[in-house]
C-alpha atoms as a PDB file:
ATOM      1  CA  MET A   1     173.417  89.852 183.946  1.00  0.00           C
ATOM      2  CA  ASP A   2     170.324  87.952 185.060  1.00  0.00           C
ATOM      3  CA  GLY A   3     168.737  87.563 181.672  1.00  0.00           C
ATOM      4  CA  ALA A   4     166.436  90.538 182.075  1.00  0.00           C
ATOM      5  CA  VAL A   5     164.376  91.687 179.151  1.00  0.00           C
ATOM      6  CA  LYS A   6     163.855  95.439 179.418  1.00  0.00           C
ATOM      7  CA  PHE A   7     161.229  97.673 177.907  1.00  0.00           C
ATOM      8  CA  ALA A   8     162.233 101.286 178.444  1.00  0.00           C
ATOM      9  CA  PRO A   9     158.990 103.248 178.716  1.00  0.00           C
ATOM     10  CA  PRO A  10     158.710 106.110 176.214  1.00  0.00           C
ATOM     11  CA  ASN A  11     158.845 109.645 177.516  1.00  0.00           C
ATOM     12  CA  VAL A  12     155.214 110.541 176.871  1.00  0.00           C
ATOM     13  CA  ALA A  13     152.705 112.653 178.770  1.00  0.00           C
ATOM     14  CA  PRO A  14     150.519 110.811 181.337  1.00  0.00           C
ATOM     15  CA  GLU A  15     147.380 111.625 179.353  1.00  0.00           C
ATOM     16  CA  VAL A  16     148.884 109.932 176.288  1.00  0.00           C
ATOM     17  CA  ALA A  17     149.729 106.831 178.333  1.00  0.00           C
ATOM     18  CA  HIS A  18     146.208 106.764 179.801  1.00  0.00           C
ATOM     19  CA  ARG A  19     144.590 107.117 176.366  1.00  0.00           C
ATOM     20  CA  ALA A  20     146.785 104.331 174.990  1.00  0.00           C
ATOM     21  CA  VAL A  21     145.616 102.086 177.841  1.00  0.00           C
ATOM     22  CA  GLU A  22     141.980 102.967 177.085  1.00  0.00           C
ATOM     23  CA  TRP A  23     142.487 101.964 173.460  1.00  0.00           C
ATOM     24  CA  TRP A  24     144.126  98.726 174.569  1.00  0.00           C
ATOM     25  CA  LEU A  25     141.148  97.915 176.794  1.00  0.00           C
ATOM     26  CA  ASP A  26     138.647  98.721 174.058  1.00  0.00           C
ATOM     27  CA  LEU A  27     140.453  96.672 171.429  1.00  0.00           C
ATOM     28  CA  SER A  28     140.810  93.747 173.867  1.00  0.00           C
ATOM     29  CA  SER A  29     137.050  93.648 174.386  1.00  0.00           C
ATOM     30  CA  GLY A  30     136.501  92.010 170.983  1.00  0.00           C
ATOM     31  CA  SER A  31     133.567  94.283 170.144  1.00  0.00           C
ATOM     32  CA  VAL A  32     135.216  97.170 168.278  1.00  0.00           C
ATOM     33  CA  THR A  33     133.117  98.842 165.603  1.00  0.00           C
ATOM     34  CA  PRO A  34     134.553 100.035 162.277  1.00  0.00           C
ATOM     35  CA  SER A  35     134.150 103.656 163.399  1.00  0.00           C
ATOM     36  CA  GLN A  36     136.082 102.947 166.613  1.00  0.00           C
ATOM     37  CA  ARG A  37     138.826 101.271 164.616  1.00  0.00           C
ATOM     38  CA  ALA A  38     139.045 104.298 162.329  1.00  0.00           C
ATOM     39  CA  ALA A  39     139.208 106.621 165.346  1.00  0.00           C
ATOM     40  CA  PHE A  40     141.981 104.501 166.825  1.00  0.00           C
ATOM     41  CA  ASP A  41     143.984 104.612 163.592  1.00  0.00           C
ATOM     42  CA  ALA A  42     143.530 108.369 163.460  1.00  0.00           C
ATOM     43  CA  TRP A  43     144.715 108.727 167.067  1.00  0.00           C
ATOM     44  CA  ARG A  44     147.859 106.720 166.339  1.00  0.00           C
ATOM     45  CA  ALA A  45     148.638 108.850 163.292  1.00  0.00           C
ATOM     46  CA  ALA A  46     147.953 112.177 165.012  1.00  0.00           C
ATOM     47  CA  HIS A  47     151.252 112.351 166.912  1.00  0.00           C
ATOM     48  CA  ALA A  48     154.485 110.388 167.138  1.00  0.00           C
ATOM     49  CA  ASP A  49     154.057 110.042 170.904  1.00  0.00           C
ATOM     50  CA  HIS A  50     150.740 108.241 170.353  1.00  0.00           C
ATOM     51  CA  GLU A  51     152.405 105.633 168.170  1.00  0.00           C
ATOM     52  CA  ARG A  52     155.318 105.233 170.571  1.00  0.00           C
ATOM     53  CA  ALA A  53     152.948 104.715 173.505  1.00  0.00           C
ATOM     54  CA  TRP A  54     150.959 102.141 171.557  1.00  0.00           C
ATOM     55  CA  GLN A  55     154.054 100.215 170.459  1.00  0.00           C
ATOM     56  CA  HIS A  56     155.247 100.118 174.063  1.00  0.00           C
ATOM     57  CA  ILE A  57     151.941  98.658 175.272  1.00  0.00           C
ATOM     58  CA  GLN A  58     152.105  96.040 172.541  1.00  0.00           C
ATOM     59  CA  ALA A  59     155.624  95.048 173.562  1.00  0.00           C
ATOM     60  CA  VAL A  60     154.952  94.883 177.299  1.00  0.00           C
ATOM     61  CA  SER A  61     151.560  93.178 177.117  1.00  0.00           C
ATOM     62  CA  GLY A  62     152.947  90.715 174.569  1.00  0.00           C
ATOM     63  CA  ARG A  63     155.685  89.744 177.001  1.00  0.00           C
ATOM     64  CA  PHE A  64     153.134  89.212 179.783  1.00  0.00           C
ATOM     65  CA  GLN A  65     151.172  86.859 177.554  1.00  0.00           C
ATOM     66  CA  SER A  66     154.236  84.985 176.326  1.00  0.00           C
ATOM     67  CA  ILE A  67     155.316  84.064 179.865  1.00  0.00           C
ATOM     68  CA  GLY A  68     151.840  83.146 181.024  1.00  0.00           C
ATOM     69  CA  ASP A  69     151.586  86.071 183.443  1.00  0.00           C
ATOM     70  CA  SER A  70     147.957  87.174 183.206  1.00  0.00           C
ATOM     71  CA  ALA A  71     148.058  89.987 185.760  1.00  0.00           C
ATOM     72  CA  ALA A  72     147.812  92.737 183.164  1.00  0.00           C
ATOM     73  CA  ALA A  73     145.169  90.932 181.128  1.00  0.00           C
ATOM     74  CA  ASN A  74     143.115  90.211 184.237  1.00  0.00           C
ATOM     75  CA  ALA A  75     143.334  93.814 185.309  1.00  0.00           C
ATOM     76  CA  ALA A  76     142.255  94.890 181.848  1.00  0.00           C
ATOM     77  CA  ARG A  77     139.197  92.641 181.888  1.00  0.00           C
ATOM     78  CA  SER A  78     138.360  93.879 185.363  1.00  0.00           C
ATOM     79  CA  ALA A  79     138.523  97.521 184.311  1.00  0.00           C
ATOM     80  CA  LEU A  80     136.203  96.756 181.389  1.00  0.00           C
ATOM     81  CA  THR A  81     133.631  94.969 183.549  1.00  0.00           C
ATOM     82  CA  LEU A  82     133.453  96.971 186.748  1.00  0.00           C
ATOM     83  CA  PRO A  83     130.292  96.214 188.759  1.00  0.00           C
ATOM     84  CA  ALA A  84     127.344  98.539 188.376  1.00  0.00           C
ATOM     85  CA  ARG A  85     127.978 100.012 191.816  1.00  0.00           C
ATOM     86  CA  ASP A  86     131.344 101.353 190.619  1.00  0.00           C
ATOM     87  CA  THR A  87     131.496 104.807 189.115  1.00  0.00           C
ATOM     88  CA  ARG A  88     133.226 106.329 186.133  1.00  0.00           C
ATOM     89  CA  ARG A  89     135.762 107.601 188.623  1.00  0.00           C
ATOM     90  CA  SER A  90     136.579 103.991 189.554  1.00  0.00           C
ATOM     91  CA  ARG A  91     137.150 103.141 185.894  1.00  0.00           C
ATOM     92  CA  ARG A  92     139.466 106.110 185.546  1.00  0.00           C
ATOM     93  CA  ALA A  93     141.377 104.953 188.616  1.00  0.00           C
ATOM     94  CA  GLY A  94     141.677 101.472 187.118  1.00  0.00           C
ATOM     95  CA  ILE A  95     143.024 102.884 183.860  1.00  0.00           C
ATOM     96  CA  LYS A  96     145.531 104.950 185.812  1.00  0.00           C
ATOM     97  CA  ALA A  97     146.689 101.830 187.664  1.00  0.00           C
ATOM     98  CA  LEU A  98     147.094  99.958 184.387  1.00  0.00           C
ATOM     99  CA  ALA A  99     149.089 102.834 182.954  1.00  0.00           C
ATOM    100  CA  VAL A 100     151.443 102.614 185.918  1.00  0.00           C
ATOM    101  CA  LEU A 101     151.718  98.847 185.439  1.00  0.00           C
ATOM    102  CA  LEU A 102     152.393  99.029 181.699  1.00  0.00           C
ATOM    103  CA  PHE A 103     154.548 102.146 181.619  1.00  0.00           C
ATOM    104  CA  ALA A 104     156.458 101.655 184.881  1.00  0.00           C
ATOM    105  CA  GLY A 105     155.919  98.471 186.878  1.00  0.00           C
ATOM    106  CA  GLY A 106     155.802  96.290 183.791  1.00  0.00           C
ATOM    107  CA  ALA A 107     158.788  97.860 182.115  1.00  0.00           C
ATOM    108  CA  THR A 108     161.241  95.167 183.182  1.00  0.00           C
ATOM    109  CA  TRP A 109     160.744  91.433 183.172  1.00  0.00           C
ATOM    110  CA  SER A 110     163.500  89.118 184.332  1.00  0.00           C
ATOM    111  CA  ALA A 111     163.859  85.621 182.942  1.00  0.00           C
ATOM    112  CA  ARG A 112     164.379  84.360 186.489  1.00  0.00           C
ATOM    113  CA  HIS A 113     160.678  85.112 187.175  1.00  0.00           C
ATOM    114  CA  ARG A 114     159.803  82.173 184.955  1.00  0.00           C
ATOM    115  CA  SER A 115     161.092  79.803 187.651  1.00  0.00           C
ATOM    116  CA  ALA A 116     159.995  81.867 190.651  1.00  0.00           C
ATOM    117  CA  TRP A 117     156.626  80.081 190.862  1.00  0.00           C
ATOM    118  CA  PRO A 118     157.432  76.370 191.182  1.00  0.00           C
ATOM    119  CA  GLY A 119     153.925  75.281 190.199  1.00  0.00           C
ATOM    120  CA  TRP A 120     154.789  75.755 186.517  1.00  0.00           C
ATOM    121  CA  THR A 121     157.053  72.702 186.518  1.00  0.00           C
ATOM    122  CA  SER A 122     155.819  70.627 189.491  1.00  0.00           C
ATOM    123  CA  ASP A 123     154.049  67.285 189.163  1.00  0.00           C
ATOM    124  CA  LEU A 124     150.895  68.535 190.902  1.00  0.00           C
ATOM    125  CA  HIS A 125     149.807  72.112 191.472  1.00  0.00           C
ATOM    126  CA  THR A 126     146.804  74.318 192.100  1.00  0.00           C
ATOM    127  CA  ALA A 127     145.935  77.806 190.943  1.00  0.00           C
ATOM    128  CA  THR A 128     145.160  80.696 193.265  1.00  0.00           C
ATOM    129  CA  GLY A 129     141.830  79.983 194.949  1.00  0.00           C
ATOM    130  CA  GLU A 130     141.813  76.305 193.931  1.00  0.00           C
ATOM    131  CA  VAL A 131     141.728  73.402 196.408  1.00  0.00           C
ATOM    132  CA  ARG A 132     142.138  69.946 194.840  1.00  0.00           C
ATOM    133  CA  THR A 133     142.357  66.357 196.096  1.00  0.00           C
ATOM    134  CA  VAL A 134     144.321  63.648 194.278  1.00  0.00           C
ATOM    135  CA  THR A 135     144.985  59.981 195.058  1.00  0.00           C
ATOM    136  CA  LEU A 136     148.498  58.629 194.541  1.00  0.00           C
ATOM    137  CA  ALA A 137     149.412  55.149 193.320  1.00  0.00           C
ATOM    138  CA  ASP A 138     149.772  53.785 196.874  1.00  0.00           C
ATOM    139  CA  GLY A 139     146.343  55.055 197.901  1.00  0.00           C
ATOM    140  CA  THR A 140     147.681  58.137 199.687  1.00  0.00           C
ATOM    141  CA  THR A 141     145.329  61.107 199.434  1.00  0.00           C
ATOM    142  CA  LEU A 142     146.797  64.573 198.929  1.00  0.00           C
ATOM    143  CA  THR A 143     144.673  67.695 199.233  1.00  0.00           C
ATOM    144  CA  LEU A 144     146.485  70.703 197.776  1.00  0.00           C
ATOM    145  CA  ASP A 145     145.643  74.124 199.152  1.00  0.00           C
ATOM    146  CA  THR A 146     145.511  77.308 197.078  1.00  0.00           C
ATOM    147  CA  ALA A 147     148.622  78.075 194.983  1.00  0.00           C
ATOM    148  CA  SER A 148     150.375  74.898 196.099  1.00  0.00           C
ATOM    149  CA  ALA A 149     152.833  72.667 194.274  1.00  0.00           C
ATOM    150  CA  VAL A 150     154.376  69.264 194.940  1.00  0.00           C
ATOM    151  CA  ASP A 151     156.647  66.773 193.226  1.00  0.00           C
ATOM    152  CA  VAL A 152     155.956  63.054 193.683  1.00  0.00           C
ATOM    153  CA  ARG A 153     159.082  60.881 193.785  1.00  0.00           C
ATOM    154  CA  PHE A 154     158.233  57.242 194.320  1.00  0.00           C
ATOM    155  CA  THR A 155     161.251  54.905 194.039  1.00  0.00           C
ATOM    156  CA  GLN A 156     161.829  51.271 194.973  1.00  0.00           C
ATOM    157  CA  ASP A 157     163.116  52.430 198.373  1.00  0.00           C
ATOM    158  CA  GLU A 158     160.702  55.164 199.463  1.00  0.00           C
ATOM    159  CA  ARG A 159     157.629  57.244 198.701  1.00  0.00           C
ATOM    160  CA  ARG A 160     158.630  60.914 198.800  1.00  0.00           C
ATOM    161  CA  VAL A 161     156.468  63.992 198.265  1.00  0.00           C
ATOM    162  CA  VAL A 162     158.334  67.297 197.925  1.00  0.00           C
ATOM    163  CA  LEU A 163     156.301  70.347 198.957  1.00  0.00           C
ATOM    164  CA  ARG A 164     157.486  73.228 196.774  1.00  0.00           C
ATOM    165  CA  SER A 165     154.981  75.841 197.913  1.00  0.00           C
ATOM    166  CA  GLY A 166     151.650  76.238 199.657  1.00  0.00           C
ATOM    167  CA  ALA A 167     150.122  73.542 201.841  1.00  0.00           C
ATOM    168  CA  ILE A 168     148.906  69.944 201.665  1.00  0.00           C
ATOM    169  CA  MET A 169     146.790  67.605 203.745  1.00  0.00           C
ATOM    170  CA  VAL A 170     148.122  64.037 203.673  1.00  0.00           C
ATOM    171  CA  ALA A 171     146.222  60.847 204.469  1.00  0.00           C
ATOM    172  CA  THR A 172     148.755  58.071 203.955  1.00  0.00           C
ATOM    173  CA  GLY A 173     147.695  55.085 201.870  1.00  0.00           C
ATOM    174  CA  HIS A 174     148.185  51.382 202.495  1.00  0.00           C
ATOM    175  CA  ARG A 175     148.294  49.941 198.983  1.00  0.00           C
ATOM    176  CA  ASP A 176     152.065  49.487 198.923  1.00  0.00           C
ATOM    177  CA  GLY A 177     152.495  45.723 199.135  1.00  0.00           C
ATOM    178  CA  LEU A 178     153.603  43.507 202.022  1.00  0.00           C
ATOM    179  CA  ALA A 179     156.695  45.616 202.764  1.00  0.00           C
ATOM    180  CA  PRO A 180     155.538  49.240 202.553  1.00  0.00           C
ATOM    181  CA  ARG A 181     158.187  51.770 201.623  1.00  0.00           C
ATOM    182  CA  PRO A 182     158.722  54.689 204.014  1.00  0.00           C
ATOM    183  CA  PHE A 183     156.550  57.719 203.203  1.00  0.00           C
ATOM    184  CA  VAL A 184     158.336  61.082 203.481  1.00  0.00           C
ATOM    185  CA  VAL A 185     157.221  64.673 202.990  1.00  0.00           C
ATOM    186  CA  GLN A 186     160.142  66.975 202.238  1.00  0.00           C
ATOM    187  CA  THR A 187     160.066  70.760 202.667  1.00  0.00           C
ATOM    188  CA  ALA A 188     162.658  73.500 202.484  1.00  0.00           C
ATOM    189  CA  GLN A 189     163.436  73.015 206.188  1.00  0.00           C
ATOM    190  CA  GLY A 190     163.446  69.238 206.631  1.00  0.00           C
ATOM    191  CA  THR A 191     161.380  66.064 206.431  1.00  0.00           C
ATOM    192  CA  ALA A 192     158.213  64.675 208.005  1.00  0.00           C
ATOM    193  CA  THR A 193     157.778  60.900 208.159  1.00  0.00           C
ATOM    194  CA  PRO A 194     154.313  59.740 209.210  1.00  0.00           C
ATOM    195  CA  ILE A 195     153.289  56.566 210.983  1.00  0.00           C
ATOM    196  CA  GLY A 196     149.842  55.625 209.624  1.00  0.00           C
ATOM    197  CA  THR A 197     148.490  59.132 209.879  1.00  0.00           C
ATOM    198  CA  ARG A 198     146.669  62.194 208.603  1.00  0.00           C
ATOM    199  CA  PHE A 199     148.533  65.460 208.837  1.00  0.00           C
ATOM    200  CA  SER A 200     148.951  68.833 207.135  1.00  0.00           C
ATOM    201  CA  VAL A 201     152.134  70.553 206.022  1.00  0.00           C
ATOM    202  CA  ARG A 202     152.450  74.201 205.034  1.00  0.00           C
ATOM    203  CA  GLN A 203     155.546  75.797 203.554  1.00  0.00           C
ATOM    204  CA  ALA A 204     156.018  79.284 205.010  1.00  0.00           C
ATOM    205  CA  GLN A 205     158.829  81.636 204.076  1.00  0.00           C
ATOM    206  CA  ASP A 206     161.307  80.617 206.788  1.00  0.00           C
ATOM    207  CA  ALA A 207     159.673  77.608 208.437  1.00  0.00           C
ATOM    208  CA  THR A 208     157.405  74.629 207.913  1.00  0.00           C
ATOM    209  CA  ARG A 209     154.104  74.390 209.790  1.00  0.00           C
ATOM    210  CA  LEU A 210     152.917  70.893 210.607  1.00  0.00           C
ATOM    211  CA  ALA A 211     149.713  69.688 212.310  1.00  0.00           C
ATOM    212  CA  VAL A 212     148.917  66.072 213.147  1.00  0.00           C
ATOM    213  CA  PHE A 213     145.284  64.936 213.121  1.00  0.00           C
ATOM    214  CA  GLU A 214     145.762  61.153 213.381  1.00  0.00           C
ATOM    215  CA  GLY A 215     148.713  58.914 214.232  1.00  0.00           C
ATOM    216  CA  ALA A 216     152.166  60.456 214.602  1.00  0.00           C
ATOM    217  CA  VAL A 217     154.804  62.206 212.471  1.00  0.00           C
ATOM    218  CA  ARG A 218     158.576  62.253 212.978  1.00  0.00           C
ATOM    219  CA  VAL A 219     160.053  65.646 212.107  1.00  0.00           C
ATOM    220  CA  VAL A 220     163.734  65.947 211.203  1.00  0.00           C
ATOM    221  CA  PRO A 221     165.250  69.421 210.594  1.00  0.00           C
ATOM    222  CA  ASP A 222     167.705  69.338 207.695  1.00  0.00           C
ATOM    223  CA  ALA A 223     170.651  70.942 209.504  1.00  0.00           C
ATOM    224  CA  ALA A 224     170.068  69.286 212.875  1.00  0.00           C
ATOM    225  CA  PRO A 225     168.998  65.623 212.602  1.00  0.00           C
ATOM    226  CA  SER A 226     169.671  65.182 216.334  1.00  0.00           C
ATOM    227  CA  ALA A 227     166.852  67.660 217.046  1.00  0.00           C
ATOM    228  CA  ALA A 228     164.254  65.315 215.528  1.00  0.00           C
ATOM    229  CA  GLN A 229     160.952  65.068 217.390  1.00  0.00           C
ATOM    230  CA  MET A 230     157.806  62.947 217.205  1.00  0.00           C
ATOM    231  CA  LEU A 231     154.524  64.870 216.986  1.00  0.00           C
ATOM    232  CA  ARG A 232     151.352  62.992 217.908  1.00  0.00           C
ATOM    233  CA  ALA A 233     147.681  63.437 217.088  1.00  0.00           C
ATOM    234  CA  GLY A 234     146.370  66.776 218.299  1.00  0.00           C
ATOM    235  CA  GLU A 235     149.765  68.492 218.195  1.00  0.00           C
ATOM    236  CA  ARG A 236     151.168  71.110 215.866  1.00  0.00           C
ATOM    237  CA  ALA A 237     154.537  72.835 215.584  1.00  0.00           C
ATOM    238  CA  GLN A 238     156.757  74.822 213.286  1.00  0.00           C
ATOM    239  CA  PHE A 239     160.231  73.678 212.386  1.00  0.00           C
ATOM    240  CA  THR A 240     163.193  75.410 210.821  1.00  0.00           C
ATOM    241  CA  THR A 241     166.338  73.876 209.353  1.00  0.00           C
ATOM    242  CA  ASN A 242     167.803  73.835 212.883  1.00  0.00           C
ATOM    243  CA  ALA A 243     164.999  73.069 215.347  1.00  0.00           C
ATOM    244  CA  VAL A 244     161.449  71.992 216.020  1.00  0.00           C
ATOM    245  CA  LEU A 245     159.773  74.910 217.775  1.00  0.00           C
ATOM    246  CA  GLN A 246     157.275  74.869 220.615  1.00  0.00           C
ATOM    247  CA  ARG A 247     154.383  72.432 220.291  1.00  0.00           C
ATOM    248  CA  GLU A 248     150.797  73.610 220.578  1.00  0.00           C
ATOM    249  CA  PRO A 249     147.351  71.981 220.404  1.00  0.00           C
ATOM    250  CA  VAL A 250     145.819  71.709 216.941  1.00  0.00           C
ATOM    251  CA  ALA A 251     142.829  74.037 216.565  1.00  0.00           C
ATOM    252  CA  SER A 252     139.514  72.302 215.956  1.00  0.00           C
ATOM    253  CA  ASP A 253     139.090  74.148 212.645  1.00  0.00           C
ATOM    254  CA  ALA A 254     142.652  73.643 211.377  1.00  0.00           C
ATOM    255  CA  ALA A 255     141.503  71.412 208.510  1.00  0.00           C
ATOM    256  CA  ALA A 256     138.593  73.611 207.417  1.00  0.00           C
ATOM    257  CA  TRP A 257     140.476  74.795 204.323  1.00  0.00           C
ATOM    258  CA  THR A 258     140.233  71.293 202.839  1.00  0.00           C
ATOM    259  CA  LYS A 259     136.479  71.881 202.589  1.00  0.00           C
ATOM    260  CA  GLY A 260     136.868  75.395 201.154  1.00  0.00           C
ATOM    261  CA  ILE A 261     136.153  77.151 204.451  1.00  0.00           C
ATOM    262  CA  LEU A 262     138.028  79.819 206.392  1.00  0.00           C
ATOM    263  CA  VAL A 263     137.141  79.919 210.088  1.00  0.00           C
ATOM    264  CA  ALA A 264     137.918  82.952 212.244  1.00  0.00           C
ATOM    265  CA  SER A 265     137.707  82.823 216.031  1.00  0.00           C
ATOM    266  CA  ASN A 266     138.376  86.224 217.593  1.00  0.00           C
ATOM    267  CA  MET A 267     140.889  86.765 214.778  1.00  0.00           C
ATOM    268  CA  ARG A 268     142.595  90.068 213.962  1.00  0.00           C
ATOM    269  CA  LEU A 269     141.210  91.540 210.767  1.00  0.00           C
ATOM    270  CA  GLY A 270     144.723  92.054 209.428  1.00  0.00           C
ATOM    271  CA  ASP A 271     145.553  88.376 209.933  1.00  0.00           C
ATOM    272  CA  PHE A 272     142.210  87.314 208.464  1.00  0.00           C
ATOM    273  CA  LEU A 273     142.783  89.340 205.301  1.00  0.00           C
ATOM    274  CA  ASP A 274     146.318  87.989 204.987  1.00  0.00           C
ATOM    275  CA  GLU A 275     144.872  84.482 204.965  1.00  0.00           C
ATOM    276  CA  LEU A 276     142.011  85.411 202.645  1.00  0.00           C
ATOM    277  CA  SER A 277     144.450  87.005 200.203  1.00  0.00           C
ATOM    278  CA  ARG A 278     145.992  83.570 199.556  1.00  0.00           C
ATOM    279  CA  TYR A 279     142.739  82.572 197.844  1.00  0.00           C
ATOM    280  CA  ARG A 280     142.366  85.506 195.443  1.00  0.00           C
ATOM    281  CA  GLU A 281     144.500  86.986 192.699  1.00  0.00           C
ATOM    282  CA  GLY A 282     145.934  90.454 192.988  1.00  0.00           C
ATOM    283  CA  LEU A 283     146.635  92.603 196.020  1.00  0.00           C
ATOM    284  CA  LEU A 284     144.379  92.655 199.098  1.00  0.00           C
ATOM    285  CA  ARG A 285     145.437  95.321 201.612  1.00  0.00           C
ATOM    286  CA  CYS A 286     144.255  96.075 205.120  1.00  0.00           C
ATOM    287  CA  ASP A 287     144.295  99.692 206.271  1.00  0.00           C
ATOM    288  CA  PRO A 288     146.371  99.793 209.511  1.00  0.00           C
ATOM    289  CA  ARG A 289     143.549 101.754 211.173  1.00  0.00           C
ATOM    290  CA  VAL A 290     141.318  98.669 211.169  1.00  0.00           C
ATOM    291  CA  ALA A 291     143.881  95.855 211.266  1.00  0.00           C
ATOM    292  CA  SER A 292     143.369  95.216 214.980  1.00  0.00           C
ATOM    293  CA  LEU A 293     139.604  94.762 214.787  1.00  0.00           C
ATOM    294  CA  ARG A 294     138.484  91.257 215.808  1.00  0.00           C
ATOM    295  CA  LEU A 295     136.074  88.973 214.028  1.00  0.00           C
ATOM    296  CA  SER A 296     134.620  85.488 214.283  1.00  0.00           C
ATOM    297  CA  GLY A 297     132.716  83.470 211.731  1.00  0.00           C
ATOM    298  CA  THR A 298     132.809  80.873 208.975  1.00  0.00           C
ATOM    299  CA  TYR A 299     133.482  82.045 205.434  1.00  0.00           C
ATOM    300  CA  LEU A 300     133.325  80.229 202.079  1.00  0.00           C
ATOM    301  CA  LEU A 301     136.549  80.644 200.126  1.00  0.00           C
ATOM    302  CA  ALA A 302     134.887  80.034 196.759  1.00  0.00           C
ATOM    303  CA  ASP A 303     133.725  83.673 196.614  1.00  0.00           C
ATOM    304  CA  THR A 304     136.200  86.022 198.272  1.00  0.00           C
ATOM    305  CA  ASP A 305     134.349  89.097 196.978  1.00  0.00           C
ATOM    306  CA  LEU A 306     131.270  87.938 198.881  1.00  0.00           C
ATOM    307  CA  VAL A 307     133.420  87.464 201.988  1.00  0.00           C
ATOM    308  CA  LEU A 308     134.590  91.078 201.706  1.00  0.00           C
ATOM    309  CA  GLU A 309     131.027  92.278 201.221  1.00  0.00           C
ATOM    310  CA  THR A 310     129.951  90.311 204.298  1.00  0.00           C
ATOM    311  CA  LEU A 311     132.615  92.041 206.367  1.00  0.00           C
ATOM    312  CA  THR A 312     131.212  95.461 205.475  1.00  0.00           C
ATOM    313  CA  ARG A 313     127.777  94.372 206.702  1.00  0.00           C
ATOM    314  CA  ALA A 314     129.055  93.097 210.026  1.00  0.00           C
ATOM    315  CA  MET A 315     131.762  95.645 210.812  1.00  0.00           C
ATOM    316  CA  PRO A 316     132.396  99.379 210.311  1.00  0.00           C
ATOM    317  CA  LEU A 317     134.399  98.790 207.140  1.00  0.00           C
ATOM    318  CA  ARG A 318     134.442  99.700 203.473  1.00  0.00           C
ATOM    319  CA  VAL A 319     136.068  97.928 200.553  1.00  0.00           C
ATOM    320  CA  ASP A 320     137.696 100.055 197.843  1.00  0.00           C
ATOM    321  CA  TYR A 321     138.275  98.384 194.467  1.00  0.00           C
ATOM    322  CA  LEU A 322     140.903  99.779 192.114  1.00  0.00           C
ATOM    323  CA  THR A 323     139.804  97.055 189.678  1.00  0.00           C
ATOM    324  CA  ARG A 324     139.272  93.630 191.206  1.00  0.00           C
ATOM    325  CA  TYR A 325     143.017  93.120 191.535  1.00  0.00           C
ATOM    326  CA  TRP A 326     143.792  96.112 193.752  1.00  0.00           C
ATOM    327  CA  VAL A 327     141.588  96.005 196.855  1.00  0.00           C
ATOM    328  CA  THR A 328     141.849  97.863 200.172  1.00  0.00           C
ATOM    329  CA  VAL A 329     139.743  97.239 203.279  1.00  0.00           C
ATOM    330  CA  GLY A 330     139.515 100.340 205.434  1.00  0.00           C
ATOM    331  CA  PRO A 331     137.271 102.152 207.930  1.00  0.00           C
ATOM    332  CA  ALA A 332     133.748 103.021 206.826  1.00  0.00           C
ATOM    333  CA  ARG A 333     133.145 106.609 205.899  1.00  0.00           C
ATOM    334  CA  THR A 334     131.289 108.617 208.512  1.00  0.00           C
END
């Protein structure tokens, strides 16, 4: 067994589940009147299925809160505060999505999910959409990209930064005495040792992406030390546990994220939205019918909703919100 905690959803009609979700949203708003409270109590007492549905929501939503997973709570707040341009139909769709989450998708939570996101226990981490710069004891500057996490392991022999997830920009410091210790960035695929440099490291699913802006970086794949290579300023490459892959020039805008900017230069819309999705919570989908459209421009990551709105002004697109946390970009209606 993997330590799963299971909440078997009750066998109730969809309309009962939807009404239970509506009550949950209303009660979570903090502005319930005595008459609404009385109506809620009457609804619970009217049928056994109503009470069973309510108890299930309490159990599932309580588990979300206890593990720090705010997806359901965020979705609830979003459904309660839909923008004025959204219709009652949109609210109904949001409630339906929450019912699916609470009565199906949220029915099982595994204890292993607690450790799935390494930021919970790492020395330094950022939330989704957050970019933060910190200075280490030796004067090294680390800029952490969205949803990134690192451990800092400085010993008497070396200065090691372990990239657990996301991406970092490193500007190595020089306040480490007369005999500076080696500085090493470790990823899931290997190590990167800089020589007086500024470089970025991004942990992808099966590879590490590295770009050198100043100086040089020695890359050593974990399973093939003999395949080590030196990357110099203006070069970038990916490396796996076995090899350093083909080198390419570093794009002029490769460090734009450190300033909260996403730059697109004749970029596929599907790829652009994949990158944008890293800076917002929830699910951002691209309809395959528009994924191959191309765009160029500079976009501020601080307001991803505004970025999506800007796309609809510049391209034949529409953005459909099933609450703020379920978003699809598709072709404009004709």
